[in-house]
Amino acid sequence: MQNTYAVVPQTGEAQLRIFNGFNCGGIINVSDIATDNKIEPLDFWKAPTLQVDGEESFPLYFHSDSCGYDIVKNVTVMEKQVICNKYMLRT
């Protein structure tokens, strides 16, 4: 049963999830966190728990050949929070 419990970030930690709102997949690259990870259409990508002090920003890059999208944005994570950037990959 504990496998289904949410993992809440503790002091010094943050979590980041990116939702792909496009009908096409692509490659997502979040600087210093993950590189060249595939994100499927209408799916999400979850970073490992991040070690932060207060808040930190990371450049995010999304590329899809099939849709012709190249998106560059910054994402900010905050200590003891789960950041869900569902708007990230929507135009």
N, C-alpha and C. Protein backbone atom coordinates (compact mmCIF):
# COMPACT_ATOMS: atom_id res chain seq x y z
N MET A 1 0.81 -1.19 0.00
CA MET A 1 0.00 0.00 0.00
C MET A 1 0.87 1.27 0.00
N GLN A 2 2.02 1.25 0.69
CA GLN A 2 2.85 2.44 0.77
C GLN A 2 3.43 2.83 -0.59
N ASN A 3 3.48 1.91 -1.53
CA ASN A 3 3.98 2.24 -2.87
C ASN A 3 3.12 3.29 -3.55
N THR A 4 1.87 3.44 -3.13
CA THR A 4 0.97 4.40 -3.77
C THR A 4 0.96 5.75 -3.08
N TYR A 5 1.66 5.90 -1.95
CA TYR A 5 1.69 7.17 -1.23
C TYR A 5 2.51 8.19 -2.02
N ALA A 6 2.06 9.43 -1.96
CA ALA A 6 2.82 10.51 -2.59
C ALA A 6 4.12 10.73 -1.83
N VAL A 7 5.18 11.03 -2.56
CA VAL A 7 6.46 11.37 -1.94
C VAL A 7 6.53 12.89 -1.88
N VAL A 8 6.43 13.43 -0.68
CA VAL A 8 6.41 14.88 -0.50
C VAL A 8 7.84 15.36 -0.28
N PRO A 9 8.25 16.41 -1.00
CA PRO A 9 9.61 16.91 -0.82
C PRO A 9 9.81 17.46 0.60
N GLN A 10 10.98 17.20 1.14
CA GLN A 10 11.33 17.65 2.48
C GLN A 10 12.18 18.92 2.39
N THR A 11 12.63 19.41 3.51
CA THR A 11 13.51 20.58 3.54
C THR A 11 14.74 20.31 2.68
N GLY A 12 15.04 21.25 1.80
CA GLY A 12 16.19 21.11 0.90
C GLY A 12 15.90 20.34 -0.37
N GLU A 13 14.63 19.94 -0.57
CA GLU A 13 14.26 19.18 -1.77
C GLU A 13 13.12 19.87 -2.52
N ALA A 14 13.02 19.57 -3.81
CA ALA A 14 11.92 20.03 -4.66
C ALA A 14 11.66 18.96 -5.71
N GLN A 15 10.48 19.00 -6.31
CA GLN A 15 10.14 18.07 -7.38
C GLN A 15 9.65 18.86 -8.59
N LEU A 16 9.89 18.31 -9.77
CA LEU A 16 9.51 18.96 -11.03
C LEU A 16 8.88 17.94 -11.96
N ARG A 17 7.71 18.29 -12.51
CA ARG A 17 7.06 17.47 -13.53
C ARG A 17 6.70 18.38 -14.71
N ILE A 18 6.94 17.88 -15.91
CA ILE A 18 6.62 18.62 -17.14
C ILE A 18 5.58 17.82 -17.90
N PHE A 19 4.46 18.45 -18.22
CA PHE A 19 3.40 17.81 -18.98
C PHE A 19 3.45 18.27 -20.43
N ASN A 20 3.39 17.32 -21.35
CA ASN A 20 3.41 17.60 -22.79
C ASN A 20 1.97 17.69 -23.28
N GLY A 21 1.53 18.89 -23.60
CA GLY A 21 0.17 19.10 -24.09
C GLY A 21 0.03 18.97 -25.60
N PHE A 22 1.11 18.60 -26.29
CA PHE A 22 1.07 18.44 -27.74
C PHE A 22 0.63 17.03 -28.12
N ASN A 23 0.14 16.90 -29.35
CA ASN A 23 -0.23 15.59 -29.88
C ASN A 23 0.96 14.92 -30.54
N CYS A 24 2.16 15.34 -30.20
CA CYS A 24 3.37 14.72 -30.73
C CYS A 24 4.39 14.66 -29.61
N GLY A 25 5.26 13.68 -29.70
CA GLY A 25 6.30 13.54 -28.70
C GLY A 25 7.52 14.36 -29.08
N GLY A 26 8.48 14.35 -28.20
CA GLY A 26 9.70 15.07 -28.48
C GLY A 26 10.76 14.74 -27.45
N ILE A 27 11.84 15.49 -27.52
CA ILE A 27 12.96 15.33 -26.60
C ILE A 27 12.96 16.52 -25.66
N ILE A 28 13.11 16.24 -24.37
CA ILE A 28 13.16 17.30 -23.37
C ILE A 28 14.53 17.29 -22.72
N ASN A 29 15.08 18.47 -22.52
CA ASN A 29 16.38 18.61 -21.90
C ASN A 29 16.24 19.71 -20.85
N VAL A 30 16.45 19.36 -19.58
CA VAL A 30 16.43 20.35 -18.50
C VAL A 30 17.86 20.42 -17.97
N SER A 31 18.47 21.58 -18.14
CA SER A 31 19.87 21.76 -17.80
C SER A 31 20.18 21.29 -16.38
N ASP A 32 21.25 20.57 -16.24
CA ASP A 32 21.75 20.05 -14.97
C ASP A 32 20.86 18.99 -14.33
N ILE A 33 19.74 18.63 -14.95
CA ILE A 33 18.84 17.63 -14.38
C ILE A 33 18.78 16.40 -15.28
N ALA A 34 18.43 16.62 -16.53
CA ALA A 34 18.24 15.49 -17.45
C ALA A 34 18.52 15.95 -18.87
N THR A 35 19.06 15.05 -19.66
CA THR A 35 19.33 15.38 -21.04
C THR A 35 18.74 14.33 -21.96
N ASP A 36 18.18 14.82 -23.04
CA ASP A 36 17.67 13.97 -24.12
C ASP A 36 16.70 12.89 -23.64
N ASN A 37 15.72 13.28 -22.85
CA ASN A 37 14.68 12.36 -22.40
C ASN A 37 13.47 12.48 -23.31
N LYS A 38 12.96 11.35 -23.72
CA LYS A 38 11.77 11.32 -24.59
C LYS A 38 10.53 11.61 -23.74
N ILE A 39 9.67 12.47 -24.26
CA ILE A 39 8.38 12.73 -23.62
C ILE A 39 7.30 12.49 -24.68
N GLU A 40 6.43 11.56 -24.37
CA GLU A 40 5.40 11.13 -25.32
C GLU A 40 4.28 12.17 -25.43
N PRO A 41 3.47 12.09 -26.51
CA PRO A 41 2.34 13.00 -26.65
C PRO A 41 1.39 12.87 -25.46
N LEU A 42 0.92 14.00 -24.95
CA LEU A 42 -0.06 14.06 -23.87
C LEU A 42 0.36 13.23 -22.66
N ASP A 43 1.65 13.23 -22.37
CA ASP A 43 2.19 12.47 -21.25
C ASP A 43 3.04 13.44 -20.41
N PHE A 44 3.72 12.91 -19.40
CA PHE A 44 4.54 13.77 -18.57
C PHE A 44 5.91 13.15 -18.33
N TRP A 45 6.83 14.01 -17.93
CA TRP A 45 8.17 13.62 -17.55
C TRP A 45 8.38 14.09 -16.12
N LYS A 46 9.00 13.28 -15.30
CA LYS A 46 9.23 13.61 -13.89
C LYS A 46 10.72 13.57 -13.62
N ALA A 47 11.23 14.66 -13.05
CA ALA A 47 12.64 14.72 -12.66
C ALA A 47 12.83 13.96 -11.36
N PRO A 48 14.04 13.48 -11.11
CA PRO A 48 14.31 12.92 -9.79
C PRO A 48 14.20 14.04 -8.75
N THR A 49 14.06 13.69 -7.49
CA THR A 49 13.99 14.71 -6.44
C THR A 49 15.24 15.58 -6.52
N LEU A 50 15.02 16.89 -6.51
CA LEU A 50 16.11 17.86 -6.67
C LEU A 50 16.56 18.39 -5.32
N GLN A 51 17.83 18.61 -5.16
CA GLN A 51 18.37 19.23 -3.95
C GLN A 51 18.49 20.73 -4.21
N VAL A 52 17.73 21.53 -3.46
CA VAL A 52 17.73 22.98 -3.66
C VAL A 52 17.81 23.69 -2.32
N ASP A 53 18.22 24.93 -2.38
CA ASP A 53 18.25 25.79 -1.19
C ASP A 53 17.40 27.01 -1.54
N GLY A 54 16.15 27.03 -1.08
CA GLY A 54 15.23 28.12 -1.42
C GLY A 54 14.58 27.85 -2.77
N GLU A 55 15.07 28.50 -3.82
CA GLU A 55 14.56 28.24 -5.16
C GLU A 55 15.68 28.31 -6.17
N GLU A 56 15.51 27.57 -7.26
CA GLU A 56 16.48 27.54 -8.35
C GLU A 56 15.74 27.52 -9.68
N SER A 57 16.36 28.11 -10.69
CA SER A 57 15.81 28.10 -12.05
C SER A 57 16.70 27.26 -12.94
N PHE A 58 16.05 26.58 -13.88
CA PHE A 58 16.76 25.73 -14.84
C PHE A 58 16.25 26.02 -16.24
N PRO A 59 17.14 26.11 -17.24
CA PRO A 59 16.69 26.23 -18.61
C PRO A 59 16.08 24.90 -19.08
N LEU A 60 14.97 24.98 -19.78
CA LEU A 60 14.30 23.80 -20.32
C LEU A 60 14.24 23.95 -21.84
N TYR A 61 14.54 22.86 -22.54
CA TYR A 61 14.50 22.85 -24.00
C TYR A 61 13.66 21.67 -24.45
N PHE A 62 12.70 21.92 -25.35
CA PHE A 62 11.87 20.87 -25.93
C PHE A 62 12.00 20.94 -27.44
N HIS A 63 12.23 19.78 -28.06
CA HIS A 63 12.35 19.72 -29.53
C HIS A 63 11.52 18.55 -30.06
N SER A 64 10.73 18.83 -31.09
CA SER A 64 9.96 17.79 -31.75
C SER A 64 10.07 17.96 -33.26
N ASP A 65 10.66 16.97 -33.92
CA ASP A 65 10.74 17.00 -35.39
C ASP A 65 9.36 16.89 -36.01
N SER A 66 8.52 16.02 -35.46
CA SER A 66 7.22 15.75 -36.08
C SER A 66 6.26 16.93 -36.01
N CYS A 67 6.37 17.76 -34.98
CA CYS A 67 5.49 18.94 -34.86
C CYS A 67 6.19 20.23 -35.26
N GLY A 68 7.51 20.16 -35.37
CA GLY A 68 8.27 21.35 -35.74
C GLY A 68 8.42 22.35 -34.60
N TYR A 69 8.40 21.89 -33.35
CA TYR A 69 8.51 22.78 -32.21
C TYR A 69 9.92 22.77 -31.64
N ASP A 70 10.41 23.95 -31.32
CA ASP A 70 11.62 24.16 -30.54
C ASP A 70 11.25 25.19 -29.48
N ILE A 71 11.18 24.76 -28.24
CA ILE A 71 10.74 25.64 -27.16
C ILE A 71 11.85 25.74 -26.13
N VAL A 72 12.17 26.96 -25.73
CA VAL A 72 13.16 27.20 -24.69
C VAL A 72 12.50 28.07 -23.64
N LYS A 73 12.49 27.61 -22.38
CA LYS A 73 11.91 28.36 -21.28
C LYS A 73 12.73 28.10 -20.03
N ASN A 74 12.51 28.89 -19.01
CA ASN A 74 13.10 28.63 -17.71
C ASN A 74 12.02 28.08 -16.79
N VAL A 75 12.39 27.10 -15.98
CA VAL A 75 11.48 26.58 -14.95
C VAL A 75 12.12 26.86 -13.60
N THR A 76 11.30 27.25 -12.65
CA THR A 76 11.77 27.55 -11.30
C THR A 76 11.17 26.55 -10.34
N VAL A 77 12.01 25.94 -9.53
CA VAL A 77 11.54 25.02 -8.49
C VAL A 77 11.80 25.66 -7.14
N MET A 78 10.94 25.34 -6.17
CA MET A 78 11.07 25.89 -4.84
C MET A 78 11.14 24.77 -3.81
N GLU A 79 11.92 25.00 -2.80
CA GLU A 79 12.11 24.04 -1.73
C GLU A 79 10.78 23.63 -1.11
N LYS A 80 10.64 22.33 -0.86
CA LYS A 80 9.46 21.72 -0.23
C LYS A 80 8.20 21.84 -1.08
N GLN A 81 8.35 21.98 -2.42
CA GLN A 81 7.19 22.08 -3.29
C GLN A 81 7.32 21.14 -4.47
N VAL A 82 6.15 20.77 -5.00
CA VAL A 82 6.07 20.02 -6.24
C VAL A 82 5.64 21.02 -7.31
N ILE A 83 6.46 21.21 -8.31
CA ILE A 83 6.15 22.16 -9.38
C ILE A 83 5.70 21.36 -10.60
N CYS A 84 4.48 21.59 -11.02
CA CYS A 84 3.93 20.94 -12.21
C CYS A 84 3.77 21.99 -13.29
N ASN A 85 4.64 21.97 -14.27
CA ASN A 85 4.60 22.95 -15.35
C ASN A 85 3.78 22.43 -16.51
N LYS A 86 2.48 22.31 -16.29
CA LYS A 86 1.60 21.79 -17.33
C LYS A 86 1.47 22.74 -18.50
N TYR A 87 1.70 24.02 -18.26
CA TYR A 87 1.63 25.00 -19.33
C TYR A 87 2.89 25.01 -20.17
N MET A 88 3.92 24.35 -19.72
CA MET A 88 5.22 24.45 -20.34
C MET A 88 5.22 24.14 -21.81
N LEU A 89 4.57 23.07 -22.19
CA LEU A 89 4.67 22.62 -23.57
C LEU A 89 3.36 22.83 -24.33
N ARG A 90 2.70 23.92 -24.03
CA ARG A 90 1.47 24.28 -24.76
C ARG A 90 1.70 25.61 -25.43
N THR A 91 1.17 25.78 -26.61
CA THR A 91 1.34 27.07 -27.29
C THR A 91 0.10 27.91 -27.08
